[in-house]
């Protein structure tokens, strides 16, 4: 049983491990993923993540891409499959998530995925594409600091796509990002989820 304070954004979740296999099926690809307790998206593909993967324009074909908060790797592996010539950085503070993402990349034969903790991404890496279903529940101060950190590493022509539910503050986040000098527009919406497109 999970300890009361155990969350998917903990570095070392205390939830008892109970791995399960799921399938991510998209029009252009299929991935087999192992999930586990204590990691975002246990036993399913989150609806917001699925919307992002269905509606996002193609990521940059080469150079460095980022999945911010990779969980079990649904976003990172999709980016890697769609852009085999790119390096996809899959980062998460959750050690269990990183282990699963690494295993899932190997299982799906995607050697261009590099899984690591956020502070392990080399300082000189600049990003052409960021995709994320961000950890809104870490709270606004931590969320804002995290987004500003990674958006500052976008190339001048790069973009970030964030999927956020309206009840979790997507509209206010859009306005805040724009006010911070990162012009942000709504790309699409469905079932309360918004995909926000932001630039450097």
Foldseek 3Di string as FASTA:
>chain_A
DFDPPQALQDLEGPDDWDKDWDWDDAPVDIFIFIATPSFPQGPHDDPLNNVCLHPPDQADQAEEEEEERQQLNPPQLSNCVRRVRYAYEYEGSHPVRLVNNVVRCVVVVRPSYDYDYPVPDDPLGAHQEYEYQDPLVVDDVVRVVVVVVNLVRYDQNHKYKYKDFVVSPPVVVQVVCVVVVWHKDFPDDDPRITIIITHD
